[in-house]
């Protein structure tokens, strides 16, 4: 007899959606927005592109960062801009070292 594990829906923790902004070198074509899972793609005046995305966990964020890597563009900054569990208005930035 095969049994199916039961799902516990009432005690399952809810995941908070976090908004991130990823700054990359160069102007990405708009079609990369869907492929990277970004909700907005903004071309900046300084020849960079800002990807704004929402992620429910680190795995989803790492998937986007892997996509940036696979495109071969330089990752310049990563900002957590919303829904931080400990400080909702705080922004955490990681800046790539300059060569």
N, C-alpha and C. Protein backbone atom coordinates (compact mmCIF):
# COMPACT_ATOMS: atom_id res chain seq x y z
N UNK A 1 0.84 -1.17 0.00
CA UNK A 1 0.00 0.00 0.00
C UNK A 1 0.89 1.24 0.00
N UNK A 2 0.59 2.17 -0.87
CA UNK A 2 1.35 3.41 -0.97
C UNK A 2 0.62 4.51 -0.22
N UNK A 3 1.35 5.23 0.57
CA UNK A 3 0.74 6.35 1.28
C UNK A 3 1.31 7.66 0.75
N UNK A 4 0.49 8.66 0.76
CA UNK A 4 0.92 9.98 0.31
C UNK A 4 1.11 10.85 1.53
N UNK A 5 2.27 11.51 1.65
CA UNK A 5 2.47 12.37 2.81
C UNK A 5 1.43 13.48 2.82
N UNK A 6 0.94 13.78 3.99
CA UNK A 6 -0.06 14.85 4.10
C UNK A 6 0.64 16.21 4.12
N UNK A 7 -0.06 17.18 3.59
CA UNK A 7 0.47 18.55 3.59
C UNK A 7 -0.08 19.29 4.78
N UNK A 8 0.79 20.02 5.45
CA UNK A 8 0.34 20.84 6.57
C UNK A 8 0.22 22.26 6.05
N UNK A 9 -0.99 22.71 5.85
CA UNK A 9 -1.16 24.05 5.31
C UNK A 9 -1.34 25.10 6.40
N UNK A 10 -1.88 24.73 7.52
CA UNK A 10 -2.16 25.72 8.55
C UNK A 10 -0.90 26.20 9.26
N UNK A 11 0.11 25.35 9.38
CA UNK A 11 1.32 25.77 10.10
C UNK A 11 2.49 26.06 9.16
N UNK A 12 2.24 26.09 7.84
CA UNK A 12 3.30 26.38 6.89
C UNK A 12 3.65 27.86 6.97
N UNK A 13 4.92 28.18 7.19
CA UNK A 13 5.28 29.60 7.27
C UNK A 13 5.12 30.28 5.92
N UNK A 14 4.64 31.51 5.96
CA UNK A 14 4.52 32.26 4.71
C UNK A 14 5.85 32.92 4.39
N UNK A 15 6.15 32.98 3.11
CA UNK A 15 7.41 33.58 2.68
C UNK A 15 7.14 35.01 2.28
N UNK A 16 7.98 35.88 2.73
CA UNK A 16 7.85 37.29 2.41
C UNK A 16 8.57 37.59 1.10
N UNK A 17 7.91 38.30 0.23
CA UNK A 17 8.51 38.69 -1.04
C UNK A 17 9.42 39.88 -0.79
N UNK A 18 10.64 39.80 -1.29
CA UNK A 18 11.64 40.85 -1.10
C UNK A 18 11.97 41.46 -2.46
N UNK A 19 12.05 42.78 -2.52
CA UNK A 19 12.39 43.47 -3.76
C UNK A 19 13.89 43.75 -3.78
N UNK A 20 14.50 43.46 -4.92
CA UNK A 20 15.93 43.69 -5.12
C UNK A 20 16.14 44.56 -6.36
N UNK A 21 17.23 45.32 -6.34
CA UNK A 21 17.69 46.01 -7.53
C UNK A 21 19.10 45.53 -7.83
N UNK A 22 19.31 45.12 -9.07
CA UNK A 22 20.59 44.60 -9.53
C UNK A 22 21.11 45.56 -10.58
N UNK A 23 22.29 46.12 -10.37
CA UNK A 23 22.91 47.05 -11.32
C UNK A 23 23.99 46.31 -12.08
N UNK A 24 23.89 46.34 -13.42
CA UNK A 24 24.88 45.68 -14.27
C UNK A 24 25.46 46.68 -15.26
N UNK A 25 26.65 46.38 -15.74
CA UNK A 25 27.32 47.24 -16.72
C UNK A 25 26.66 47.08 -18.08
N UNK A 26 26.54 48.17 -18.80
CA UNK A 26 25.99 48.14 -20.15
C UNK A 26 24.47 48.22 -20.16
N UNK A 27 23.93 48.40 -21.34
CA UNK A 27 22.48 48.43 -21.52
C UNK A 27 22.03 47.08 -22.06
N UNK A 28 21.22 46.36 -21.28
CA UNK A 28 20.67 45.09 -21.72
C UNK A 28 19.46 45.34 -22.60
N UNK A 29 19.27 44.51 -23.61
CA UNK A 29 18.07 44.58 -24.43
C UNK A 29 16.86 44.23 -23.56
N UNK A 30 15.73 44.83 -23.88
CA UNK A 30 14.52 44.63 -23.07
C UNK A 30 14.06 43.18 -22.99
N UNK A 31 14.34 42.39 -24.01
CA UNK A 31 13.86 41.00 -23.99
C UNK A 31 14.51 40.16 -22.90
N UNK A 32 15.62 40.61 -22.33
CA UNK A 32 16.28 39.86 -21.25
C UNK A 32 15.52 39.97 -19.94
N UNK A 33 14.63 40.94 -19.83
CA UNK A 33 13.87 41.12 -18.59
C UNK A 33 13.09 39.85 -18.22
N UNK A 34 12.34 39.31 -19.15
CA UNK A 34 11.58 38.08 -18.88
C UNK A 34 12.49 36.90 -18.60
N UNK A 35 13.56 36.78 -19.36
CA UNK A 35 14.48 35.65 -19.19
C UNK A 35 15.14 35.69 -17.81
N UNK A 36 15.43 36.89 -17.32
CA UNK A 36 16.05 37.03 -16.01
C UNK A 36 15.05 37.04 -14.86
N UNK A 37 13.77 37.12 -15.18
CA UNK A 37 12.76 37.16 -14.12
C UNK A 37 12.63 38.52 -13.47
N UNK A 38 13.03 39.56 -14.16
CA UNK A 38 12.95 40.91 -13.62
C UNK A 38 11.61 41.53 -13.96
N UNK A 39 11.09 42.33 -13.05
CA UNK A 39 9.82 43.00 -13.28
C UNK A 39 10.02 44.32 -14.01
N UNK A 40 11.18 44.90 -13.88
CA UNK A 40 11.47 46.15 -14.58
C UNK A 40 12.94 46.16 -14.96
N UNK A 41 13.21 46.72 -16.12
CA UNK A 41 14.57 46.86 -16.62
C UNK A 41 14.73 48.32 -17.01
N UNK A 42 15.65 49.03 -16.36
CA UNK A 42 15.82 50.47 -16.58
C UNK A 42 17.21 50.75 -17.12
N UNK A 43 17.27 51.46 -18.25
CA UNK A 43 18.55 51.89 -18.80
C UNK A 43 18.92 53.21 -18.15
N UNK A 44 20.08 53.25 -17.51
CA UNK A 44 20.54 54.45 -16.82
C UNK A 44 21.44 55.27 -17.73
N UNK A 45 21.56 56.57 -17.43
CA UNK A 45 22.37 57.48 -18.25
C UNK A 45 23.86 57.15 -18.24
N UNK A 46 24.32 56.43 -17.22
CA UNK A 46 25.75 56.11 -17.11
C UNK A 46 26.11 54.77 -17.79
N UNK A 47 25.30 54.36 -18.76
CA UNK A 47 25.52 53.11 -19.51
C UNK A 47 25.46 51.87 -18.63
N UNK A 48 24.57 51.89 -17.65
CA UNK A 48 24.31 50.72 -16.82
C UNK A 48 22.82 50.38 -16.95
N UNK A 49 22.46 49.20 -16.47
CA UNK A 49 21.07 48.77 -16.46
C UNK A 49 20.71 48.35 -15.05
N UNK A 50 19.55 48.78 -14.58
CA UNK A 50 19.03 48.36 -13.28
C UNK A 50 17.90 47.38 -13.50
N UNK A 51 18.03 46.19 -12.93
CA UNK A 51 16.98 45.18 -12.94
C UNK A 51 16.28 45.25 -11.60
N UNK A 52 14.97 45.40 -11.59
CA UNK A 52 14.20 45.37 -10.36
C UNK A 52 13.40 44.09 -10.36
N UNK A 53 13.53 43.31 -9.30
CA UNK A 53 12.87 42.02 -9.24
C UNK A 53 12.37 41.73 -7.85
N UNK A 54 11.45 40.80 -7.76
CA UNK A 54 10.95 40.34 -6.47
C UNK A 54 11.28 38.87 -6.34
N UNK A 55 11.76 38.49 -5.16
CA UNK A 55 12.13 37.09 -4.93
C UNK A 55 11.56 36.64 -3.60
N UNK A 56 11.11 35.39 -3.56
CA UNK A 56 10.56 34.85 -2.31
C UNK A 56 11.62 34.15 -1.48
N UNK A 57 12.77 33.86 -2.09
CA UNK A 57 13.84 33.21 -1.33
C UNK A 57 15.18 33.43 -2.03
N UNK A 58 16.23 33.02 -1.37
CA UNK A 58 17.58 33.20 -1.89
C UNK A 58 17.81 32.37 -3.16
N UNK A 59 17.14 31.25 -3.28
CA UNK A 59 17.29 30.42 -4.47
C UNK A 59 16.84 31.16 -5.71
N UNK A 60 15.72 31.85 -5.62
CA UNK A 60 15.23 32.63 -6.75
C UNK A 60 16.20 33.76 -7.09
N UNK A 61 16.71 34.46 -6.08
CA UNK A 61 17.69 35.52 -6.30
C UNK A 61 18.95 34.97 -6.95
N UNK A 62 19.44 33.85 -6.47
CA UNK A 62 20.64 33.24 -7.06
C UNK A 62 20.42 32.83 -8.51
N UNK A 63 19.20 32.44 -8.85
CA UNK A 63 18.88 32.12 -10.23
C UNK A 63 19.03 33.33 -11.14
N UNK A 64 18.59 34.48 -10.66
CA UNK A 64 18.74 35.71 -11.45
C UNK A 64 20.22 36.07 -11.57
N UNK A 65 20.96 35.96 -10.47
CA UNK A 65 22.39 36.27 -10.52
C UNK A 65 23.13 35.31 -11.44
N UNK A 66 22.72 34.06 -11.48
CA UNK A 66 23.33 33.09 -12.40
C UNK A 66 23.03 33.49 -13.85
N UNK A 67 21.82 34.01 -14.08
CA UNK A 67 21.48 34.49 -15.42
C UNK A 67 22.33 35.66 -15.85
N UNK A 68 22.60 36.58 -14.91
CA UNK A 68 23.49 37.72 -15.19
C UNK A 68 24.88 37.20 -15.54
N UNK A 69 25.34 36.22 -14.78
CA UNK A 69 26.64 35.61 -15.05
C UNK A 69 26.67 34.98 -16.44
N UNK A 70 25.60 34.24 -16.77
CA UNK A 70 25.55 33.55 -18.06
C UNK A 70 25.51 34.52 -19.23
N UNK A 71 24.98 35.72 -19.02
CA UNK A 71 24.98 36.74 -20.07
C UNK A 71 26.37 37.34 -20.28
N UNK A 72 27.24 37.18 -19.29
CA UNK A 72 28.59 37.71 -19.40
C UNK A 72 28.70 39.19 -19.10
N UNK A 73 27.69 39.75 -18.43
CA UNK A 73 27.76 41.17 -18.07
C UNK A 73 28.31 41.30 -16.65
N UNK A 74 28.93 42.44 -16.38
CA UNK A 74 29.51 42.67 -15.05
C UNK A 74 28.43 43.08 -14.06
N UNK A 75 28.38 42.39 -12.93
CA UNK A 75 27.49 42.74 -11.83
C UNK A 75 28.17 43.85 -11.03
N UNK A 76 27.52 45.01 -10.92
CA UNK A 76 28.12 46.15 -10.23
C UNK A 76 27.60 46.32 -8.80
N UNK A 77 26.30 46.15 -8.62
CA UNK A 77 25.71 46.33 -7.30
C UNK A 77 24.48 45.45 -7.15
N UNK A 78 24.19 45.10 -5.89
CA UNK A 78 22.97 44.39 -5.54
C UNK A 78 22.41 45.08 -4.31
N UNK A 79 21.15 45.54 -4.40
CA UNK A 79 20.50 46.22 -3.28
C UNK A 79 19.22 45.49 -2.89
N UNK A 80 19.05 45.29 -1.61
CA UNK A 80 17.77 44.82 -1.09
C UNK A 80 17.00 46.07 -0.72
N UNK A 81 15.91 46.35 -1.43
CA UNK A 81 15.25 47.64 -1.28
C UNK A 81 13.88 47.59 -0.63
N UNK A 82 13.37 46.42 -0.36
CA UNK A 82 12.06 46.39 0.26
C UNK A 82 11.76 45.10 0.98
N UNK A 83 10.85 45.20 1.95
CA UNK A 83 10.32 44.06 2.68
C UNK A 83 11.35 43.29 3.48
N UNK A 84 12.39 43.97 3.93
CA UNK A 84 13.39 43.30 4.78
C UNK A 84 12.73 42.94 6.10
N UNK A 85 12.90 41.70 6.57
CA UNK A 85 12.20 41.26 7.79
C UNK A 85 12.57 42.06 9.03
N UNK A 86 13.81 42.52 9.16
CA UNK A 86 14.21 43.20 10.38
C UNK A 86 14.09 44.71 10.29
N UNK A 87 14.21 45.26 9.11
CA UNK A 87 14.13 46.71 8.95
C UNK A 87 13.50 47.02 7.60
N UNK A 88 12.18 47.22 7.56
CA UNK A 88 11.50 47.37 6.27
C UNK A 88 12.00 48.51 5.40
N UNK A 89 12.58 49.55 5.97
CA UNK A 89 13.04 50.66 5.14
C UNK A 89 14.53 50.63 4.90
N UNK A 90 15.21 49.63 5.41
CA UNK A 90 16.66 49.57 5.24
C UNK A 90 17.02 49.09 3.86
N UNK A 91 18.18 49.51 3.38
CA UNK A 91 18.69 49.05 2.11
C UNK A 91 20.09 48.51 2.34
N UNK A 92 20.33 47.29 1.89
CA UNK A 92 21.64 46.67 2.01
C UNK A 92 22.26 46.60 0.64
N UNK A 93 23.49 47.06 0.53
CA UNK A 93 24.15 47.08 -0.78
C UNK A 93 25.41 46.25 -0.74
N UNK A 94 25.66 45.55 -1.82
CA UNK A 94 26.91 44.84 -2.02
C UNK A 94 27.48 45.39 -3.32
N UNK A 95 28.67 45.97 -3.23
CA UNK A 95 29.30 46.59 -4.40
C UNK A 95 30.50 45.75 -4.82
N UNK A 96 30.58 45.52 -6.11
CA UNK A 96 31.70 44.74 -6.64
C UNK A 96 32.97 45.57 -6.56
N UNK A 97 34.11 44.95 -6.26
CA UNK A 97 35.36 45.69 -6.21
C UNK A 97 35.75 46.20 -7.59
N UNK A 98 36.36 47.37 -7.63
CA UNK A 98 36.80 47.92 -8.90
C UNK A 98 38.18 47.39 -9.23
N UNK A 99 38.45 47.21 -10.50
CA UNK A 99 39.72 46.63 -10.93
C UNK A 99 40.77 47.71 -11.07
